[in-house]
Amino acid sequence: MAVDDSSFALDALKSLVTPYKKQFECAKDGFEAFNKFQHLSKQGQLYHLILIDLMMPNCDGIQATQLIRKFESDNGCPSTFICGLSAVENPGMLILKEYI
């Protein structure tokens, strides 16, 4: 799954995955991503990878990752690989590892 508030970024990520003929979903913010994650998990399916924008309105990548990690912990799910992405260079993002 790719999560970004930019439709341009989502289209670019989708074009990278399309040649591999893998199922690919998009979400426009962290809440939508969490809802999709939760729905799929309750059906007994898992995402292999979530690419998530760190800075989005409503629910950013860090908040969404925290929601996903809590859901995984509370429901005995394995940890999903989540990769935080940002177009802004910010040394403060190095502390992201502490939160996810």
C-alpha atoms as a PDB file:
ATOM      1  CA  MET A   1       0.000   0.000   0.000  1.00  0.00           C
ATOM      2  CA  ALA A   2       1.135   3.539  -0.682  1.00  0.00           C
ATOM      3  CA  VAL A   3      -0.100   6.407   1.487  1.00  0.00           C
ATOM      4  CA  ASP A   4       0.327  10.006   0.388  1.00  0.00           C
ATOM      5  CA  ASP A   5      -1.808  13.132   0.157  1.00  0.00           C
ATOM      6  CA  SER A   6      -0.289  13.831  -3.279  1.00  0.00           C
ATOM      7  CA  SER A   7      -2.037  12.067  -6.150  1.00  0.00           C
ATOM      8  CA  PHE A   8       1.098  12.674  -8.242  1.00  0.00           C
ATOM      9  CA  ALA A   9       3.218  10.710  -5.757  1.00  0.00           C
ATOM     10  CA  LEU A  10       0.649   7.892  -5.597  1.00  0.00           C
ATOM     11  CA  ASP A  11       0.570   7.654  -9.397  1.00  0.00           C
ATOM     12  CA  ALA A  12       4.369   7.535  -9.516  1.00  0.00           C
ATOM     13  CA  LEU A  13       4.541   4.753  -6.919  1.00  0.00           C
ATOM     14  CA  LYS A  14       1.793   2.807  -8.674  1.00  0.00           C
ATOM     15  CA  SER A  15       3.690   3.000 -11.970  1.00  0.00           C
ATOM     16  CA  LEU A  16       6.709   1.415 -10.272  1.00  0.00           C
ATOM     17  CA  VAL A  17       4.671  -1.570  -9.056  1.00  0.00           C
ATOM     18  CA  THR A  18       2.467  -2.123 -12.131  1.00  0.00           C
ATOM     19  CA  PRO A  19       5.056  -4.101 -14.177  1.00  0.00           C
ATOM     20  CA  TYR A  20       5.236  -6.708 -11.386  1.00  0.00           C
ATOM     21  CA  LYS A  21       1.479  -7.381 -11.552  1.00  0.00           C
ATOM     22  CA  LYS A  22       1.123  -7.207  -7.776  1.00  0.00           C
ATOM     23  CA  GLN A  23      -1.970  -6.020  -5.956  1.00  0.00           C
ATOM     24  CA  PHE A  24      -1.513  -2.372  -5.017  1.00  0.00           C
ATOM     25  CA  GLU A  25      -3.697  -0.076  -2.946  1.00  0.00           C
ATOM     26  CA  CYS A  26      -3.512   3.638  -2.262  1.00  0.00           C
ATOM     27  CA  ALA A  27      -4.691   5.802   0.609  1.00  0.00           C
ATOM     28  CA  LYS A  28      -4.851   9.608   0.793  1.00  0.00           C
ATOM     29  CA  ASP A  29      -4.104   9.924   4.532  1.00  0.00           C
ATOM     30  CA  GLY A  30      -3.161   7.928   7.588  1.00  0.00           C
ATOM     31  CA  PHE A  31      -6.727   7.289   8.726  1.00  0.00           C
ATOM     32  CA  GLU A  32      -7.674   5.799   5.362  1.00  0.00           C
ATOM     33  CA  ALA A  33      -4.522   3.678   5.420  1.00  0.00           C
ATOM     34  CA  PHE A  34      -5.267   2.400   8.915  1.00  0.00           C
ATOM     35  CA  ASN A  35      -8.869   1.577   8.000  1.00  0.00           C
ATOM     36  CA  LYS A  36      -7.726  -0.381   4.926  1.00  0.00           C
ATOM     37  CA  PHE A  37      -5.045  -2.141   6.980  1.00  0.00           C
ATOM     38  CA  GLN A  38      -7.523  -3.041   9.707  1.00  0.00           C
ATOM     39  CA  HIS A  39     -10.149  -4.290   7.224  1.00  0.00           C
ATOM     40  CA  LEU A  40      -7.669  -6.499   5.362  1.00  0.00           C
ATOM     41  CA  SER A  41      -6.216  -7.872   8.612  1.00  0.00           C
ATOM     42  CA  LYS A  42      -9.660  -8.845   9.890  1.00  0.00           C
ATOM     43  CA  GLN A  43     -10.060 -10.883   6.683  1.00  0.00           C
ATOM     44  CA  GLY A  44      -6.859 -12.757   7.555  1.00  0.00           C
ATOM     45  CA  GLN A  45      -4.745 -11.034   4.910  1.00  0.00           C
ATOM     46  CA  LEU A  46      -1.613  -8.955   5.331  1.00  0.00           C
ATOM     47  CA  TYR A  47       0.181  -6.204   3.494  1.00  0.00           C
ATOM     48  CA  HIS A  48       3.786  -7.033   2.623  1.00  0.00           C
ATOM     49  CA  LEU A  49       4.835  -3.383   2.557  1.00  0.00           C
ATOM     50  CA  ILE A  50       3.406   0.024   3.363  1.00  0.00           C
ATOM     51  CA  LEU A  51       5.071   3.114   1.898  1.00  0.00           C
ATOM     52  CA  ILE A  52       3.808   6.072   3.899  1.00  0.00           C
ATOM     53  CA  ASP A  53       4.307   9.820   3.649  1.00  0.00           C
ATOM     54  CA  LEU A  54       5.489  11.263   6.935  1.00  0.00           C
ATOM     55  CA  MET A  55       3.788  14.631   6.559  1.00  0.00           C
ATOM     56  CA  MET A  56       0.083  14.595   5.668  1.00  0.00           C
ATOM     57  CA  PRO A  57      -2.943  16.497   6.957  1.00  0.00           C
ATOM     58  CA  ASN A  58      -5.441  14.784   9.288  1.00  0.00           C
ATOM     59  CA  CYS A  59      -3.236  11.805  10.209  1.00  0.00           C
ATOM     60  CA  ASP A  60       0.445  11.769   9.272  1.00  0.00           C
ATOM     61  CA  GLY A  61       2.665   8.762   8.666  1.00  0.00           C
ATOM     62  CA  ILE A  62       3.942   8.579  12.234  1.00  0.00           C
ATOM     63  CA  GLN A  63       0.433   8.644  13.721  1.00  0.00           C
ATOM     64  CA  ALA A  64      -0.808   6.052  11.223  1.00  0.00           C
ATOM     65  CA  THR A  65       2.152   3.794  11.954  1.00  0.00           C
ATOM     66  CA  GLN A  66       1.436   4.042  15.674  1.00  0.00           C
ATOM     67  CA  LEU A  67      -2.195   3.027  15.040  1.00  0.00           C
ATOM     68  CA  ILE A  68      -1.087   0.093  12.888  1.00  0.00           C
ATOM     69  CA  ARG A  69       1.505  -1.075  15.444  1.00  0.00           C
ATOM     70  CA  LYS A  70      -1.073  -0.930  18.255  1.00  0.00           C
ATOM     71  CA  PHE A  71      -3.568  -2.910  16.166  1.00  0.00           C
ATOM     72  CA  GLU A  72      -0.884  -5.513  15.364  1.00  0.00           C
ATOM     73  CA  SER A  73       0.068  -5.792  19.030  1.00  0.00           C
ATOM     74  CA  ASP A  74      -3.520  -5.992  20.282  1.00  0.00           C
ATOM     75  CA  ASN A  75      -4.469  -8.630  17.690  1.00  0.00           C
ATOM     76  CA  GLY A  76      -1.340 -10.779  17.622  1.00  0.00           C
ATOM     77  CA  CYS A  77      -0.506  -9.809  14.038  1.00  0.00           C
ATOM     78  CA  PRO A  78       3.054  -9.919  12.718  1.00  0.00           C
ATOM     79  CA  SER A  79       4.745  -6.560  12.160  1.00  0.00           C
ATOM     80  CA  THR A  80       4.250  -5.149   8.688  1.00  0.00           C
ATOM     81  CA  PHE A  81       7.258  -3.541   7.019  1.00  0.00           C
ATOM     82  CA  ILE A  82       6.513   0.191   6.941  1.00  0.00           C
ATOM     83  CA  CYS A  83       8.755   2.622   5.124  1.00  0.00           C
ATOM     84  CA  GLY A  84       8.310   6.312   5.902  1.00  0.00           C
ATOM     85  CA  LEU A  85       8.867   8.683   2.993  1.00  0.00           C
ATOM     86  CA  SER A  86       9.237  12.435   2.826  1.00  0.00           C
ATOM     87  CA  ALA A  87      10.137  14.943   0.134  1.00  0.00           C
ATOM     88  CA  VAL A  88      11.557  17.256   2.794  1.00  0.00           C
ATOM     89  CA  GLU A  89      15.079  16.743   4.059  1.00  0.00           C
ATOM     90  CA  ASN A  90      14.892  17.020   7.805  1.00  0.00           C
ATOM     91  CA  PRO A  91      17.541  15.624  10.174  1.00  0.00           C
ATOM     92  CA  GLY A  92      14.826  15.402  12.827  1.00  0.00           C
ATOM     93  CA  MET A  93      13.259  12.543  10.877  1.00  0.00           C
ATOM     94  CA  LEU A  94      16.142  10.340  12.023  1.00  0.00           C
ATOM     95  CA  ILE A  95      14.316   9.950  15.339  1.00  0.00           C
ATOM     96  CA  LEU A  96      11.389   8.378  13.481  1.00  0.00           C
ATOM     97  CA  LYS A  97      12.788   4.936  14.316  1.00  0.00           C
ATOM     98  CA  GLU A  98      11.983   5.591  17.981  1.00  0.00           C
ATOM     99  CA  TYR A  99       8.259   5.872  17.253  1.00  0.00           C
ATOM    100  CA  ILE A 100       7.640   3.038  14.824  1.00  0.00           C
END
